[in-house]
Amino acid sequence: MKVGVVGNPRYADLKAVLREFAAMAPARGMRLLTEPSLVPLWDELRPLLDEEVPDAVITFGGDGTLLRGARLLRGREVPILGVNLGRVGFLTTATRDQLPTALDALVSGRYVLERRLALHATIISDEGGVRSEQVALNDVAIHKAGVARVVRIRLSVDGEELGPYSADGVVIASPTGSRLR
């Protein structure tokens, strides 16, 4: 099983957590892929997450790390196991102490998959060119660039125009994003 690893390097103990995880992985048939920012924290060289499609992703951090892991998947339907290392963990499933049990459940398929809707947002200029394209699990925010400016937005969902807006910004939330607020 190829498992992508995403982590928040701001957690002081992340290197130790990755070391523990790396020791548990081989017995469970896991081949670990890493996000580039974690390369210096591993004791040995790991293939990069963006070079292969994983069978699952494990995130070490909080909800922000899990959301970043979802963005890295670029809309692919891959299960994510969030391991909470901090305080806020509404989306995460396990704690560091629960990691061995969670890994056993992952490799044996004994888990409940909670499907989430993702947002695919595209900002198109007045001339018709794509300025930005993002996939988000929680929300998308479009806001002004400077002081005393407003954005003028024509908003459409699945090709159906919802209307023009002039505002400081617009936030579009998925059920996941609206639940976190």
C-alpha atoms as a PDB file:
ATOM      1  CA  MET A   1       0.000   0.000   0.000  1.00  0.00           C
ATOM      2  CA  LYS A   2       1.404   3.402  -1.034  1.00  0.00           C
ATOM      3  CA  VAL A   3       0.775   5.954   1.695  1.00  0.00           C
ATOM      4  CA  GLY A   4       1.343   9.660   1.213  1.00  0.00           C
ATOM      5  CA  VAL A   5       2.553  11.584   4.257  1.00  0.00           C
ATOM      6  CA  VAL A   6       1.703  15.239   4.867  1.00  0.00           C
ATOM      7  CA  GLY A   7       2.754  17.021   8.021  1.00  0.00           C
ATOM      8  CA  ASN A   8       2.969  20.365   9.710  1.00  0.00           C
ATOM      9  CA  PRO A   9       6.692  21.054  10.310  1.00  0.00           C
ATOM     10  CA  ARG A  10       5.792  23.639  12.975  1.00  0.00           C
ATOM     11  CA  TYR A  11       5.110  20.800  15.412  1.00  0.00           C
ATOM     12  CA  ALA A  12       8.382  20.511  17.305  1.00  0.00           C
ATOM     13  CA  ASP A  13       7.999  16.752  17.742  1.00  0.00           C
ATOM     14  CA  LEU A  14       7.101  15.952  14.115  1.00  0.00           C
ATOM     15  CA  LYS A  15      10.496  14.363  13.381  1.00  0.00           C
ATOM     16  CA  ALA A  16       9.970  11.902  16.254  1.00  0.00           C
ATOM     17  CA  VAL A  17       6.403  11.180  15.097  1.00  0.00           C
ATOM     18  CA  LEU A  18       7.640  10.436  11.565  1.00  0.00           C
ATOM     19  CA  ARG A  19      10.367   8.187  12.959  1.00  0.00           C
ATOM     20  CA  GLU A  20       7.762   6.192  14.949  1.00  0.00           C
ATOM     21  CA  PHE A  21       5.489   5.989  11.927  1.00  0.00           C
ATOM     22  CA  ALA A  22       8.317   4.873   9.618  1.00  0.00           C
ATOM     23  CA  ALA A  23       9.136   2.071  12.088  1.00  0.00           C
ATOM     24  CA  MET A  24       5.504   0.848  12.072  1.00  0.00           C
ATOM     25  CA  ALA A  25       4.933   1.056   8.307  1.00  0.00           C
ATOM     26  CA  PRO A  26       6.942  -1.913   6.914  1.00  0.00           C
ATOM     27  CA  ALA A  27       5.186  -4.512   9.082  1.00  0.00           C
ATOM     28  CA  ARG A  28       1.890  -3.227   7.686  1.00  0.00           C
ATOM     29  CA  GLY A  29       3.049  -3.362   4.059  1.00  0.00           C
ATOM     30  CA  MET A  30       3.201   0.408   3.686  1.00  0.00           C
ATOM     31  CA  ARG A  31       5.492   2.199   1.260  1.00  0.00           C
ATOM     32  CA  LEU A  32       5.757   5.833   2.305  1.00  0.00           C
ATOM     33  CA  LEU A  33       5.670   8.832  -0.039  1.00  0.00           C
ATOM     34  CA  THR A  34       6.405  12.278   1.366  1.00  0.00           C
ATOM     35  CA  GLU A  35       5.527  15.834   0.607  1.00  0.00           C
ATOM     36  CA  PRO A  36       8.662  17.825  -0.307  1.00  0.00           C
ATOM     37  CA  SER A  37       8.683  20.003   2.835  1.00  0.00           C
ATOM     38  CA  LEU A  38       9.117  16.901   5.029  1.00  0.00           C
ATOM     39  CA  VAL A  39      12.174  15.520   3.204  1.00  0.00           C
ATOM     40  CA  PRO A  40      14.670  16.882   5.800  1.00  0.00           C
ATOM     41  CA  LEU A  41      12.723  15.260   8.663  1.00  0.00           C
ATOM     42  CA  TRP A  42      13.003  11.643   7.469  1.00  0.00           C
ATOM     43  CA  ASP A  43      15.900   9.410   8.482  1.00  0.00           C
ATOM     44  CA  GLU A  44      16.031   7.965   4.949  1.00  0.00           C
ATOM     45  CA  LEU A  45      15.171   9.162   1.456  1.00  0.00           C
ATOM     46  CA  ARG A  46      11.483   8.799   0.509  1.00  0.00           C
ATOM     47  CA  PRO A  47       9.780   9.136  -2.884  1.00  0.00           C
ATOM     48  CA  LEU A  48       7.824  12.368  -3.302  1.00  0.00           C
ATOM     49  CA  LEU A  49       4.048  12.393  -2.968  1.00  0.00           C
ATOM     50  CA  ASP A  50       3.602  14.392  -6.169  1.00  0.00           C
ATOM     51  CA  GLU A  51       5.426  11.719  -8.212  1.00  0.00           C
ATOM     52  CA  GLU A  52       2.958   8.875  -7.512  1.00  0.00           C
ATOM     53  CA  VAL A  53      -0.728   8.514  -6.680  1.00  0.00           C
ATOM     54  CA  PRO A  54      -1.067   7.116  -3.156  1.00  0.00           C
ATOM     55  CA  ASP A  55      -3.628   4.554  -1.998  1.00  0.00           C
ATOM     56  CA  ALA A  56      -4.161   6.653   1.132  1.00  0.00           C
ATOM     57  CA  VAL A  57      -2.789   9.816   2.742  1.00  0.00           C
ATOM     58  CA  ILE A  58      -1.941  10.304   6.401  1.00  0.00           C
ATOM     59  CA  THR A  59      -1.701  13.834   7.725  1.00  0.00           C
ATOM     60  CA  PHE A  60       0.139  14.749  10.921  1.00  0.00           C
ATOM     61  CA  GLY A  61      -1.016  18.058  12.383  1.00  0.00           C
ATOM     62  CA  GLY A  62      -4.493  19.507  12.715  1.00  0.00           C
ATOM     63  CA  ASP A  63      -7.375  20.415  10.478  1.00  0.00           C
ATOM     64  CA  GLY A  64      -5.267  22.830   8.429  1.00  0.00           C
ATOM     65  CA  THR A  65      -2.792  20.059   7.638  1.00  0.00           C
ATOM     66  CA  LEU A  66      -5.599  17.706   6.643  1.00  0.00           C
ATOM     67  CA  LEU A  67      -7.084  20.363   4.351  1.00  0.00           C
ATOM     68  CA  ARG A  68      -3.653  20.943   2.779  1.00  0.00           C
ATOM     69  CA  GLY A  69      -3.337  17.177   2.239  1.00  0.00           C
ATOM     70  CA  ALA A  70      -6.686  17.192   0.441  1.00  0.00           C
ATOM     71  CA  ARG A  71      -5.491  20.058  -1.805  1.00  0.00           C
ATOM     72  CA  LEU A  72      -2.322  18.130  -2.656  1.00  0.00           C
ATOM     73  CA  LEU A  73      -4.496  15.284  -3.972  1.00  0.00           C
ATOM     74  CA  ARG A  74      -5.943  17.660  -6.598  1.00  0.00           C
ATOM     75  CA  GLY A  75      -9.439  16.183  -6.440  1.00  0.00           C
ATOM     76  CA  ARG A  76      -8.409  12.512  -6.532  1.00  0.00           C
ATOM     77  CA  GLU A  77     -10.599  10.234  -4.427  1.00  0.00           C
ATOM     78  CA  VAL A  78      -8.029   8.992  -1.933  1.00  0.00           C
ATOM     79  CA  PRO A  79      -8.836   8.246   1.728  1.00  0.00           C
ATOM     80  CA  ILE A  80      -7.197  10.621   4.229  1.00  0.00           C
ATOM     81  CA  LEU A  81      -6.412   9.625   7.798  1.00  0.00           C
ATOM     82  CA  GLY A  82      -5.842  12.713   9.925  1.00  0.00           C
ATOM     83  CA  VAL A  83      -3.658  12.329  13.017  1.00  0.00           C
ATOM     84  CA  ASN A  84      -4.143  15.277  15.363  1.00  0.00           C
ATOM     85  CA  LEU A  85      -0.954  16.586  16.949  1.00  0.00           C
ATOM     86  CA  GLY A  86      -2.429  19.845  18.207  1.00  0.00           C
ATOM     87  CA  ARG A  87      -5.569  21.384  19.632  1.00  0.00           C
ATOM     88  CA  VAL A  88      -8.050  21.807  16.758  1.00  0.00           C
ATOM     89  CA  GLY A  89      -8.926  18.530  15.126  1.00  0.00           C
ATOM     90  CA  PHE A  90     -12.574  18.435  14.071  1.00  0.00           C
ATOM     91  CA  LEU A  91     -11.653  16.667  10.828  1.00  0.00           C
ATOM     92  CA  THR A  92      -8.853  14.471  12.147  1.00  0.00           C
ATOM     93  CA  THR A  93      -9.614  10.911  13.197  1.00  0.00           C
ATOM     94  CA  ALA A  94      -6.819   9.771  15.477  1.00  0.00           C
ATOM     95  CA  THR A  95      -4.313  11.012  18.006  1.00  0.00           C
ATOM     96  CA  ARG A  96      -0.641  10.109  18.125  1.00  0.00           C
ATOM     97  CA  ASP A  97      -1.369   7.432  20.758  1.00  0.00           C
ATOM     98  CA  GLN A  98      -4.035   5.878  18.522  1.00  0.00           C
ATOM     99  CA  LEU A  99      -1.755   5.706  15.469  1.00  0.00           C
ATOM    100  CA  PRO A 100      -0.951   1.928  15.607  1.00  0.00           C
ATOM    101  CA  THR A 101      -4.642   1.003  15.845  1.00  0.00           C
ATOM    102  CA  ALA A 102      -5.586   3.490  13.126  1.00  0.00           C
ATOM    103  CA  LEU A 103      -2.894   2.083  10.799  1.00  0.00           C
ATOM    104  CA  ASP A 104      -4.144  -1.464  11.371  1.00  0.00           C
ATOM    105  CA  ALA A 105      -7.686  -0.357  10.505  1.00  0.00           C
ATOM    106  CA  LEU A 106      -6.435   1.441   7.383  1.00  0.00           C
ATOM    107  CA  VAL A 107      -4.502  -1.498   5.927  1.00  0.00           C
ATOM    108  CA  SER A 108      -7.256  -4.020   6.739  1.00  0.00           C
ATOM    109  CA  GLY A 109      -9.991  -1.782   5.308  1.00  0.00           C
ATOM    110  CA  ARG A 110     -11.832  -1.700   8.658  1.00  0.00           C
ATOM    111  CA  TYR A 111     -12.789   1.958   8.615  1.00  0.00           C
ATOM    112  CA  VAL A 112     -15.741   4.126   7.744  1.00  0.00           C
ATOM    113  CA  LEU A 113     -15.189   6.379   4.767  1.00  0.00           C
ATOM    114  CA  GLU A 114     -16.759   9.796   5.230  1.00  0.00           C
ATOM    115  CA  ARG A 115     -17.135  11.309   1.769  1.00  0.00           C
ATOM    116  CA  ARG A 116     -16.753  15.084   1.481  1.00  0.00           C
ATOM    117  CA  LEU A 117     -17.791  17.428  -1.272  1.00  0.00           C
ATOM    118  CA  ALA A 118     -14.968  19.450  -2.780  1.00  0.00           C
ATOM    119  CA  LEU A 119     -15.190  22.865  -4.377  1.00  0.00           C
ATOM    120  CA  HIS A 120     -13.544  23.506  -7.733  1.00  0.00           C
ATOM    121  CA  ALA A 121     -13.148  27.256  -8.108  1.00  0.00           C
ATOM    122  CA  THR A 122     -11.979  29.013 -11.257  1.00  0.00           C
ATOM    123  CA  ILE A 123     -11.430  32.762 -11.494  1.00  0.00           C
ATOM    124  CA  ILE A 124     -11.872  33.956 -15.057  1.00  0.00           C
ATOM    125  CA  SER A 125     -10.836  37.456 -16.124  1.00  0.00           C
ATOM    126  CA  ASP A 126     -13.104  39.810 -18.075  1.00  0.00           C
ATOM    127  CA  GLU A 127     -11.154  38.780 -21.180  1.00  0.00           C
ATOM    128  CA  GLY A 128     -12.003  35.087 -20.602  1.00  0.00           C
ATOM    129  CA  GLY A 129      -8.594  33.876 -19.419  1.00  0.00           C
ATOM    130  CA  VAL A 130      -8.178  31.661 -16.349  1.00  0.00           C
ATOM    131  CA  ARG A 131      -6.480  33.681 -13.595  1.00  0.00           C
ATOM    132  CA  SER A 132      -6.629  31.049 -10.853  1.00  0.00           C
ATOM    133  CA  GLU A 133      -7.966  27.551 -10.387  1.00  0.00           C
ATOM    134  CA  GLN A 134      -8.224  25.810  -7.015  1.00  0.00           C
ATOM    135  CA  VAL A 135      -9.756  22.744  -5.401  1.00  0.00           C
ATOM    136  CA  ALA A 136     -10.828  23.141  -1.774  1.00  0.00           C
ATOM    137  CA  LEU A 137     -12.404  20.818   0.751  1.00  0.00           C
ATOM    138  CA  ASN A 138     -13.653  23.560   3.056  1.00  0.00           C
ATOM    139  CA  ASP A 139     -14.110  26.971   1.441  1.00  0.00           C
ATOM    140  CA  VAL A 140     -12.964  29.398  -1.219  1.00  0.00           C
ATOM    141  CA  ALA A 141     -12.472  33.099  -0.439  1.00  0.00           C
ATOM    142  CA  ILE A 142     -12.297  35.799  -3.083  1.00  0.00           C
ATOM    143  CA  HIS A 143     -11.335  39.188  -1.700  1.00  0.00           C
ATOM    144  CA  LYS A 144     -10.111  42.624  -2.613  1.00  0.00           C
ATOM    145  CA  ALA A 145      -6.452  43.279  -3.272  1.00  0.00           C
ATOM    146  CA  GLY A 146      -6.047  46.738  -1.777  1.00  0.00           C
ATOM    147  CA  VAL A 147      -7.441  49.295   0.609  1.00  0.00           C
ATOM    148  CA  ALA A 148     -10.823  50.868  -0.236  1.00  0.00           C
ATOM    149  CA  ARG A 149     -11.377  48.580  -3.193  1.00  0.00           C
ATOM    150  CA  VAL A 150     -14.229  46.235  -3.938  1.00  0.00           C
ATOM    151  CA  VAL A 151     -14.325  43.183  -6.101  1.00  0.00           C
ATOM    152  CA  ARG A 152     -16.920  42.870  -8.803  1.00  0.00           C
ATOM    153  CA  ILE A 153     -17.825  39.241  -9.272  1.00  0.00           C
ATOM    154  CA  ARG A 154     -20.179  37.352 -11.543  1.00  0.00           C
ATOM    155  CA  LEU A 155     -20.732  34.140  -9.633  1.00  0.00           C
ATOM    156  CA  SER A 156     -21.965  30.942 -11.255  1.00  0.00           C
ATOM    157  CA  VAL A 157     -22.311  27.385  -9.990  1.00  0.00           C
ATOM    158  CA  ASP A 158     -22.262  24.512 -12.478  1.00  0.00           C
ATOM    159  CA  GLY A 159     -22.843  27.005 -15.292  1.00  0.00           C
ATOM    160  CA  GLU A 160     -25.863  28.670 -13.646  1.00  0.00           C
ATOM    161  CA  GLU A 161     -25.277  32.345 -12.897  1.00  0.00           C
ATOM    162  CA  LEU A 162     -26.173  33.352  -9.348  1.00  0.00           C
ATOM    163  CA  GLY A 163     -25.757  37.031  -9.975  1.00  0.00           C
ATOM    164  CA  PRO A 164     -23.264  39.844  -9.918  1.00  0.00           C
ATOM    165  CA  TYR A 165     -21.768  41.002  -6.603  1.00  0.00           C
ATOM    166  CA  SER A 166     -19.795  44.051  -5.557  1.00  0.00           C
ATOM    167  CA  ALA A 167     -18.253  43.494  -2.133  1.00  0.00           C
ATOM    168  CA  ASP A 168     -15.114  43.360  -0.039  1.00  0.00           C
ATOM    169  CA  GLY A 169     -15.124  39.660  -0.795  1.00  0.00           C
ATOM    170  CA  VAL A 170     -17.110  36.470  -1.121  1.00  0.00           C
ATOM    171  CA  VAL A 171     -16.706  33.187   0.760  1.00  0.00           C
ATOM    172  CA  ILE A 172     -18.155  30.024  -0.736  1.00  0.00           C
ATOM    173  CA  ALA A 173     -18.223  27.157   1.758  1.00  0.00           C
ATOM    174  CA  SER A 174     -18.755  23.461   1.278  1.00  0.00           C
ATOM    175  CA  PRO A 175     -20.649  21.517   3.972  1.00  0.00           C
ATOM    176  CA  THR A 176     -17.225  20.802   5.527  1.00  0.00           C
ATOM    177  CA  GLY A 177     -16.295  24.488   5.617  1.00  0.00           C
ATOM    178  CA  SER A 178     -19.630  25.673   6.910  1.00  0.00           C
ATOM    179  CA  ARG A 179     -19.517  23.086   9.711  1.00  0.00           C
ATOM    180  CA  LEU A 180     -16.134  24.368  10.903  1.00  0.00           C
ATOM    181  CA  ARG A 181     -17.331  27.947  11.320  1.00  0.00           C
END
